[in-house]
Amino acid sequence: MDSDGFRQWRRDMGLKQKDAADRLGLKKRVIQYYEKGDRDGKRVEIPRTVELACFALSLGREHYDGRTLPRSAADLAKPSR
């Protein structure tokens, strides 16, 4: 996921930067760095853990209890309890 993809994900989710930060367990400033793609002239990469958390949130998953997930994409899209 690049900075443009991250920004688009946030907008598609209807989240403000602060909301995205709260949902991902990050600070708003980190969200801003991810969306800009750099910090003080140095490239900022979005960690795979954040990328996967974005994916989970886009599927309606807020929490993961460690159980094996179903293989069907339709089953994955069901909201968590």
PDB file of N, CA and C in Angstrom:
ATOM      1  N   MET A   1       0.854  -1.174   0.000  1.00  0.00           N
ATOM      2  CA  MET A   1       0.000   0.000   0.000  1.00  0.00           C
ATOM      3  C   MET A   1       0.898   1.235   0.000  1.00  0.00           C
ATOM      4  N   ASP A   2       0.638   2.133  -0.940  1.00  0.00           N
ATOM      5  CA  ASP A   2       1.402   3.373  -0.972  1.00  0.00           C
ATOM      6  C   ASP A   2       0.585   4.498  -0.336  1.00  0.00           C
ATOM      7  N   SER A   3       1.150   5.690  -0.298  1.00  0.00           N
ATOM      8  CA  SER A   3       0.488   6.803   0.393  1.00  0.00           C
ATOM      9  C   SER A   3      -0.848   7.159  -0.265  1.00  0.00           C
ATOM     10  N   ASP A   4      -0.905   7.129  -1.594  1.00  0.00           N
ATOM     11  CA  ASP A   4      -2.165   7.431  -2.275  1.00  0.00           C
ATOM     12  C   ASP A   4      -3.220   6.372  -1.971  1.00  0.00           C
ATOM     13  N   GLY A   5      -2.809   5.105  -1.962  1.00  0.00           N
ATOM     14  CA  GLY A   5      -3.726   4.022  -1.637  1.00  0.00           C
ATOM     15  C   GLY A   5      -4.233   4.112  -0.209  1.00  0.00           C
ATOM     16  N   PHE A   6      -3.342   4.507   0.705  1.00  0.00           N
ATOM     17  CA  PHE A   6      -3.743   4.655   2.098  1.00  0.00           C
ATOM     18  C   PHE A   6      -4.768   5.769   2.246  1.00  0.00           C
ATOM     19  N   ARG A   7      -4.500   6.908   1.615  1.00  0.00           N
ATOM     20  CA  ARG A   7      -5.431   8.043   1.678  1.00  0.00           C
ATOM     21  C   ARG A   7      -6.782   7.649   1.090  1.00  0.00           C
ATOM     22  N   GLN A   8      -6.746   6.933  -0.045  1.00  0.00           N
ATOM     23  CA  GLN A   8      -7.987   6.502  -0.673  1.00  0.00           C
ATOM     24  C   GLN A   8      -8.752   5.533   0.219  1.00  0.00           C
ATOM     25  N   TRP A   9      -8.045   4.622   0.874  1.00  0.00           N
ATOM     26  CA  TRP A   9      -8.695   3.696   1.812  1.00  0.00           C
ATOM     27  C   TRP A   9      -9.427   4.483   2.897  1.00  0.00           C
ATOM     28  N   ARG A  10      -8.733   5.460   3.495  1.00  0.00           N
ATOM     29  CA  ARG A  10      -9.338   6.250   4.574  1.00  0.00           C
ATOM     30  C   ARG A  10     -10.583   6.975   4.084  1.00  0.00           C
ATOM     31  N   ARG A  11     -10.480   7.569   2.926  1.00  0.00           N
ATOM     32  CA  ARG A  11     -11.633   8.309   2.382  1.00  0.00           C
ATOM     33  C   ARG A  11     -12.776   7.367   2.035  1.00  0.00           C
ATOM     34  N   ASP A  12     -12.456   6.231   1.436  1.00  0.00           N
ATOM     35  CA  ASP A  12     -13.496   5.243   1.106  1.00  0.00           C
ATOM     36  C   ASP A  12     -14.208   4.742   2.354  1.00  0.00           C
ATOM     37  N   MET A  13     -13.468   4.682   3.459  1.00  0.00           N
ATOM     38  CA  MET A  13     -14.055   4.250   4.733  1.00  0.00           C
ATOM     39  C   MET A  13     -14.852   5.366   5.389  1.00  0.00           C
ATOM     40  N   GLY A  14     -14.747   6.582   4.850  1.00  0.00           N
ATOM     41  CA  GLY A  14     -15.468   7.723   5.417  1.00  0.00           C
ATOM     42  C   GLY A  14     -14.865   8.204   6.729  1.00  0.00           C
ATOM     43  N   LEU A  15     -13.552   8.012   6.881  1.00  0.00           N
ATOM     44  CA  LEU A  15     -12.884   8.367   8.133  1.00  0.00           C
ATOM     45  C   LEU A  15     -12.080   9.649   7.994  1.00  0.00           C
ATOM     46  N   LYS A  16     -12.120  10.464   9.024  1.00  0.00           N
ATOM     47  CA  LYS A  16     -11.203  11.592   9.127  1.00  0.00           C
ATOM     48  C   LYS A  16      -9.871  11.027   9.597  1.00  0.00           C
ATOM     49  N   GLN A  17      -8.805  11.809   9.469  1.00  0.00           N
ATOM     50  CA  GLN A  17      -7.493  11.317   9.877  1.00  0.00           C
ATOM     51  C   GLN A  17      -7.498  10.879  11.337  1.00  0.00           C
ATOM     52  N   LYS A  18      -8.123  11.636  12.208  1.00  0.00           N
ATOM     53  CA  LYS A  18      -8.178  11.288  13.636  1.00  0.00           C
ATOM     54  C   LYS A  18      -8.929   9.974  13.842  1.00  0.00           C
ATOM     55  N   ASP A  19     -10.016   9.791  13.113  1.00  0.00           N
ATOM     56  CA  ASP A  19     -10.792   8.545  13.229  1.00  0.00           C
ATOM     57  C   ASP A  19      -9.975   7.341  12.764  1.00  0.00           C
ATOM     58  N   ALA A  20      -9.273   7.508  11.648  1.00  0.00           N
ATOM     59  CA  ALA A  20      -8.420   6.418  11.148  1.00  0.00           C
ATOM     60  C   ALA A  20      -7.342   6.085  12.166  1.00  0.00           C
ATOM     61  N   ALA A  21      -6.751   7.112  12.752  1.00  0.00           N
ATOM     62  CA  ALA A  21      -5.723   6.903  13.769  1.00  0.00           C
ATOM     63  C   ALA A  21      -6.279   6.112  14.948  1.00  0.00           C
ATOM     64  N   ASP A  22      -7.445   6.496  15.411  1.00  0.00           N
ATOM     65  CA  ASP A  22      -8.068   5.794  16.540  1.00  0.00           C
ATOM     66  C   ASP A  22      -8.361   4.338  16.198  1.00  0.00           C
ATOM     67  N   ARG A  23      -8.900   4.097  15.022  1.00  0.00           N
ATOM     68  CA  ARG A  23      -9.261   2.733  14.618  1.00  0.00           C
ATOM     69  C   ARG A  23      -8.031   1.850  14.429  1.00  0.00           C
ATOM     70  N   LEU A  24      -6.910   2.462  14.000  1.00  0.00           N
ATOM     71  CA  LEU A  24      -5.687   1.699  13.758  1.00  0.00           C
ATOM     72  C   LEU A  24      -4.748   1.688  14.953  1.00  0.00           C
ATOM     73  N   GLY A  25      -5.091   2.425  16.012  1.00  0.00           N
ATOM     74  CA  GLY A  25      -4.238   2.468  17.192  1.00  0.00           C
ATOM     75  C   GLY A  25      -2.979   3.288  16.976  1.00  0.00           C
ATOM     76  N   LEU A  26      -3.093   4.329  16.165  1.00  0.00           N
ATOM     77  CA  LEU A  26      -1.958   5.181  15.840  1.00  0.00           C
ATOM     78  C   LEU A  26      -2.246   6.623  16.229  1.00  0.00           C
ATOM     79  N   LYS A  27      -1.246   7.460  16.142  1.00  0.00           N
ATOM     80  CA  LYS A  27      -1.432   8.890  16.355  1.00  0.00           C
ATOM     81  C   LYS A  27      -1.806   9.537  15.024  1.00  0.00           C
ATOM     82  N   LYS A  28      -2.565  10.624  15.097  1.00  0.00           N
ATOM     83  CA  LYS A  28      -2.987  11.326  13.890  1.00  0.00           C
ATOM     84  C   LYS A  28      -1.780  11.736  13.048  1.00  0.00           C
ATOM     85  N   ARG A  29      -0.712  12.142  13.689  1.00  0.00           N
ATOM     86  CA  ARG A  29       0.481  12.576  12.962  1.00  0.00           C
ATOM     87  C   ARG A  29       1.059  11.445  12.093  1.00  0.00           C
ATOM     88  N   VAL A  30       0.983  10.221  12.578  1.00  0.00           N
ATOM     89  CA  VAL A  30       1.464   9.072  11.805  1.00  0.00           C
ATOM     90  C   VAL A  30       0.606   8.894  10.550  1.00  0.00           C
ATOM     91  N   ILE A  31      -0.694   9.078  10.690  1.00  0.00           N
ATOM     92  CA  ILE A  31      -1.596   9.004   9.538  1.00  0.00           C
ATOM     93  C   ILE A  31      -1.192  10.052   8.507  1.00  0.00           C
ATOM     94  N   GLN A  32      -0.872  11.242   8.991  1.00  0.00           N
ATOM     95  CA  GLN A  32      -0.447  12.313   8.084  1.00  0.00           C
ATOM     96  C   GLN A  32       0.849  11.946   7.362  1.00  0.00           C
ATOM     97  N   TYR A  33       1.786  11.351   8.062  1.00  0.00           N
ATOM     98  CA  TYR A  33       3.032  10.906   7.429  1.00  0.00           C
ATOM     99  C   TYR A  33       2.747   9.846   6.368  1.00  0.00           C
ATOM    100  N   TYR A  34       1.896   8.887   6.692  1.00  0.00           N
ATOM    101  CA  TYR A  34       1.564   7.831   5.741  1.00  0.00           C
ATOM    102  C   TYR A  34       0.937   8.419   4.479  1.00  0.00           C
ATOM    103  N   GLU A  35       0.057   9.387   4.659  1.00  0.00           N
ATOM    104  CA  GLU A  35      -0.618   9.969   3.510  1.00  0.00           C
ATOM    105  C   GLU A  35       0.313  10.862   2.689  1.00  0.00           C
ATOM    106  N   LYS A  36       1.234  11.511   3.332  1.00  0.00           N
ATOM    107  CA  LYS A  36       2.197  12.364   2.623  1.00  0.00           C
ATOM    108  C   LYS A  36       3.269  11.512   1.937  1.00  0.00           C
ATOM    109  N   GLY A  37       3.625  10.406   2.572  1.00  0.00           N
ATOM    110  CA  GLY A  37       4.627   9.509   2.008  1.00  0.00           C
ATOM    111  C   GLY A  37       6.043   9.814   2.450  1.00  0.00           C
ATOM    112  N   ASP A  38       6.203  10.866   3.238  1.00  0.00           N
ATOM    113  CA  ASP A  38       7.539  11.165   3.756  1.00  0.00           C
ATOM    114  C   ASP A  38       7.437  11.938   5.074  1.00  0.00           C
ATOM    115  N   ARG A  39       8.553  11.928   5.771  1.00  0.00           N
ATOM    116  CA  ARG A  39       8.678  12.668   7.025  1.00  0.00           C
ATOM    117  C   ARG A  39      10.049  13.327   7.012  1.00  0.00           C
ATOM    118  N   ASP A  40      10.049  14.646   7.047  1.00  0.00           N
ATOM    119  CA  ASP A  40      11.297  15.404   7.018  1.00  0.00           C
ATOM    120  C   ASP A  40      12.180  15.012   5.843  1.00  0.00           C
ATOM    121  N   GLY A  41      11.552  14.795   4.690  1.00  0.00           N
ATOM    122  CA  GLY A  41      12.293  14.457   3.477  1.00  0.00           C
ATOM    123  C   GLY A  41      12.689  13.003   3.340  1.00  0.00           C
ATOM    124  N   LYS A  42      12.380  12.194   4.341  1.00  0.00           N
ATOM    125  CA  LYS A  42      12.693  10.764   4.278  1.00  0.00           C
ATOM    126  C   LYS A  42      11.416   9.982   3.981  1.00  0.00           C
ATOM    127  N   ARG A  43      11.544   9.005   3.106  1.00  0.00           N
ATOM    128  CA  ARG A  43      10.392   8.186   2.714  1.00  0.00           C
ATOM    129  C   ARG A  43       9.830   7.431   3.918  1.00  0.00           C
ATOM    130  N   VAL A  44       8.518   7.408   4.016  1.00  0.00           N
ATOM    131  CA  VAL A  44       7.832   6.672   5.068  1.00  0.00           C
ATOM    132  C   VAL A  44       7.079   5.519   4.417  1.00  0.00           C
ATOM    133  N   GLU A  45       7.392   4.314   4.841  1.00  0.00           N
ATOM    134  CA  GLU A  45       6.676   3.142   4.344  1.00  0.00           C
ATOM    135  C   GLU A  45       5.577   2.765   5.326  1.00  0.00           C
ATOM    136  N   ILE A  46       4.483   2.323   4.770  1.00  0.00           N
ATOM    137  CA  ILE A  46       3.375   1.867   5.603  1.00  0.00           C
ATOM    138  C   ILE A  46       3.657   0.412   5.962  1.00  0.00           C
ATOM    139  N   PRO A  47       3.766   0.116   7.259  1.00  0.00           N
ATOM    140  CA  PRO A  47       4.078  -1.262   7.672  1.00  0.00           C
ATOM    141  C   PRO A  47       2.997  -2.250   7.232  1.00  0.00           C
ATOM    142  N   ARG A  48       3.411  -3.460   6.995  1.00  0.00           N
ATOM    143  CA  ARG A  48       2.468  -4.510   6.596  1.00  0.00           C
ATOM    144  C   ARG A  48       1.370  -4.698   7.648  1.00  0.00           C
ATOM    145  N   THR A  49       1.719  -4.541   8.904  1.00  0.00           N
ATOM    146  CA  THR A  49       0.710  -4.692   9.956  1.00  0.00           C
ATOM    147  C   THR A  49      -0.402  -3.662   9.800  1.00  0.00           C
ATOM    148  N   VAL A  50      -0.047  -2.445   9.438  1.00  0.00           N
ATOM    149  CA  VAL A  50      -1.042  -1.392   9.226  1.00  0.00           C
ATOM    150  C   VAL A  50      -1.853  -1.696   7.967  1.00  0.00           C
ATOM    151  N   GLU A  51      -1.169  -2.135   6.929  1.00  0.00           N
ATOM    152  CA  GLU A  51      -1.851  -2.499   5.693  1.00  0.00           C
ATOM    153  C   GLU A  51      -2.886  -3.596   5.956  1.00  0.00           C
ATOM    154  N   LEU A  52      -2.508  -4.610   6.709  1.00  0.00           N
ATOM    155  CA  LEU A  52      -3.437  -5.703   7.021  1.00  0.00           C
ATOM    156  C   LEU A  52      -4.566  -5.241   7.939  1.00  0.00           C
ATOM    157  N   ALA A  53      -4.267  -4.324   8.848  1.00  0.00           N
ATOM    158  CA  ALA A  53      -5.313  -3.771   9.711  1.00  0.00           C
ATOM    159  C   ALA A  53      -6.323  -2.984   8.869  1.00  0.00           C
ATOM    160  N   CYS A  54      -5.844  -2.251   7.877  1.00  0.00           N
ATOM    161  CA  CYS A  54      -6.748  -1.530   6.968  1.00  0.00           C
ATOM    162  C   CYS A  54      -7.659  -2.517   6.238  1.00  0.00           C
ATOM    163  N   PHE A  55      -7.069  -3.603   5.778  1.00  0.00           N
ATOM    164  CA  PHE A  55      -7.842  -4.634   5.087  1.00  0.00           C
ATOM    165  C   PHE A  55      -8.919  -5.203   6.007  1.00  0.00           C
ATOM    166  N   ALA A  56      -8.531  -5.530   7.234  1.00  0.00           N
ATOM    167  CA  ALA A  56      -9.497  -6.089   8.191  1.00  0.00           C
ATOM    168  C   ALA A  56     -10.624  -5.098   8.468  1.00  0.00           C
ATOM    169  N   LEU A  57     -10.286  -3.843   8.668  1.00  0.00           N
ATOM    170  CA  LEU A  57     -11.310  -2.833   8.928  1.00  0.00           C
ATOM    171  C   LEU A  57     -12.234  -2.663   7.725  1.00  0.00           C
ATOM    172  N   SER A  58     -11.687  -2.759   6.523  1.00  0.00           N
ATOM    173  CA  SER A  58     -12.527  -2.625   5.334  1.00  0.00           C
ATOM    174  C   SER A  58     -13.507  -3.791   5.208  1.00  0.00           C
ATOM    175  N   LEU A  59     -13.176  -4.917   5.846  1.00  0.00           N
ATOM    176  CA  LEU A  59     -14.085  -6.071   5.869  1.00  0.00           C
ATOM    177  C   LEU A  59     -15.028  -6.041   7.062  1.00  0.00           C
ATOM    178  N   GLY A  60     -14.928  -4.993   7.873  1.00  0.00           N
ATOM    179  CA  GLY A  60     -15.803  -4.871   9.036  1.00  0.00           C
ATOM    180  C   GLY A  60     -15.279  -5.595  10.260  1.00  0.00           C
ATOM    181  N   ARG A  61     -14.018  -5.979  10.240  1.00  0.00           N
ATOM    182  CA  ARG A  61     -13.411  -6.679  11.375  1.00  0.00           C
ATOM    183  C   ARG A  61     -12.713  -5.693  12.290  1.00  0.00           C
ATOM    184  N   GLU A  62     -13.220  -5.547  13.486  1.00  0.00           N
ATOM    185  CA  GLU A  62     -12.622  -4.651  14.482  1.00  0.00           C
ATOM    186  C   GLU A  62     -11.661  -5.399  15.396  1.00  0.00           C
ATOM    187  N   HIS A  63     -11.932  -6.675  15.622  1.00  0.00           N
ATOM    188  CA  HIS A  63     -11.138  -7.471  16.556  1.00  0.00           C
ATOM    189  C   HIS A  63     -10.894  -8.849  15.952  1.00  0.00           C
ATOM    190  N   TYR A  64      -9.835  -9.473  16.389  1.00  0.00           N
ATOM    191  CA  TYR A  64      -9.525 -10.838  15.949  1.00  0.00           C
ATOM    192  C   TYR A  64      -9.190 -11.652  17.186  1.00  0.00           C
ATOM    193  N   ASP A  65      -9.917 -12.749  17.352  1.00  0.00           N
ATOM    194  CA  ASP A  65      -9.762 -13.561  18.559  1.00  0.00           C
ATOM    195  C   ASP A  65      -8.806 -14.736  18.382  1.00  0.00           C
ATOM    196  N   GLY A  66      -8.162 -14.828  17.229  1.00  0.00           N
ATOM    197  CA  GLY A  66      -7.186 -15.883  17.016  1.00  0.00           C
ATOM    198  C   GLY A  66      -7.737 -17.142  16.379  1.00  0.00           C
ATOM    199  N   ARG A  67      -9.048 -17.220  16.241  1.00  0.00           N
ATOM    200  CA  ARG A  67      -9.628 -18.411  15.612  1.00  0.00           C
ATOM    201  C   ARG A  67      -9.337 -18.433  14.122  1.00  0.00           C
ATOM    202  N   THR A  68      -9.292 -19.626  13.552  1.00  0.00           N
ATOM    203  CA  THR A  68      -9.105 -19.774  12.122  1.00  0.00           C
ATOM    204  C   THR A  68     -10.284 -19.142  11.398  1.00  0.00           C
ATOM    205  N   LEU A  69      -9.969 -18.376  10.373  1.00  0.00           N
ATOM    206  CA  LEU A  69     -11.017 -17.695   9.623  1.00  0.00           C
ATOM    207  C   LEU A  69     -11.478 -18.558   8.462  1.00  0.00           C
ATOM    208  N   PRO A  70     -12.722 -18.367   8.035  1.00  0.00           N
ATOM    209  CA  PRO A  70     -13.216 -19.105   6.872  1.00  0.00           C
ATOM    210  C   PRO A  70     -12.448 -18.685   5.623  1.00  0.00           C
ATOM    211  N   ARG A  71     -12.388 -19.572   4.638  1.00  0.00           N
ATOM    212  CA  ARG A  71     -11.636 -19.282   3.414  1.00  0.00           C
ATOM    213  C   ARG A  71     -12.457 -18.490   2.405  1.00  0.00           C
ATOM    214  N   SER A  72     -13.756 -18.492   2.525  1.00  0.00           N
ATOM    215  CA  SER A  72     -14.616 -17.798   1.576  1.00  0.00           C
ATOM    216  C   SER A  72     -14.569 -16.292   1.804  1.00  0.00           C
ATOM    217  N   ALA A  73     -14.377 -15.535   0.747  1.00  0.00           N
ATOM    218  CA  ALA A  73     -14.359 -14.071   0.855  1.00  0.00           C
ATOM    219  C   ALA A  73     -15.705 -13.563   1.358  1.00  0.00           C
ATOM    220  N   ALA A  74     -16.787 -14.216   0.955  1.00  0.00           N
ATOM    221  CA  ALA A  74     -18.112 -13.809   1.417  1.00  0.00           C
ATOM    222  C   ALA A  74     -18.228 -13.978   2.919  1.00  0.00           C
ATOM    223  N   ASP A  75     -17.656 -15.064   3.457  1.00  0.00           N
ATOM    224  CA  ASP A  75     -17.691 -15.294   4.892  1.00  0.00           C
ATOM    225  C   ASP A  75     -16.811 -14.288   5.632  1.00  0.00           C
ATOM    226  N   LEU A  76     -15.695 -13.894   5.023  1.00  0.00           N
ATOM    227  CA  LEU A  76     -14.798 -12.915   5.652  1.00  0.00           C
ATOM    228  C   LEU A  76     -15.468 -11.559   5.793  1.00  0.00           C
ATOM    229  N   ALA A  77     -16.364 -11.229   4.882  1.00  0.00           N
ATOM    230  CA  ALA A  77     -16.996  -9.926   4.882  1.00  0.00           C
ATOM    231  C   ALA A  77     -18.059  -9.788   5.960  1.00  0.00           C
ATOM    232  N   LYS A  78     -18.443 -10.887   6.585  1.00  0.00           N
ATOM    233  CA  LYS A  78     -19.445 -10.810   7.646  1.00  0.00           C
ATOM    234  C   LYS A  78     -18.867 -10.059   8.838  1.00  0.00           C
ATOM    235  N   PRO A  79     -19.624  -9.127   9.426  1.00  0.00           N
ATOM    236  CA  PRO A  79     -19.115  -8.366  10.574  1.00  0.00           C
ATOM    237  C   PRO A  79     -18.770  -9.271  11.752  1.00  0.00           C
ATOM    238  N   SER A  80     -17.740  -8.892  12.477  1.00  0.00           N
ATOM    239  CA  SER A  80     -17.355  -9.662  13.660  1.00  0.00           C
ATOM    240  C   SER A  80     -18.317  -9.368  14.792  1.00  0.00           C
ATOM    241  N   ARG A  81     -18.344 -10.270  15.739  1.00  0.00           N
ATOM    242  CA  ARG A  81     -19.269 -10.132  16.885  1.00  0.00           C
ATOM    243  C   ARG A  81     -18.651  -9.402  18.019  1.00  0.00           C
TER     244      ARG A  81
END
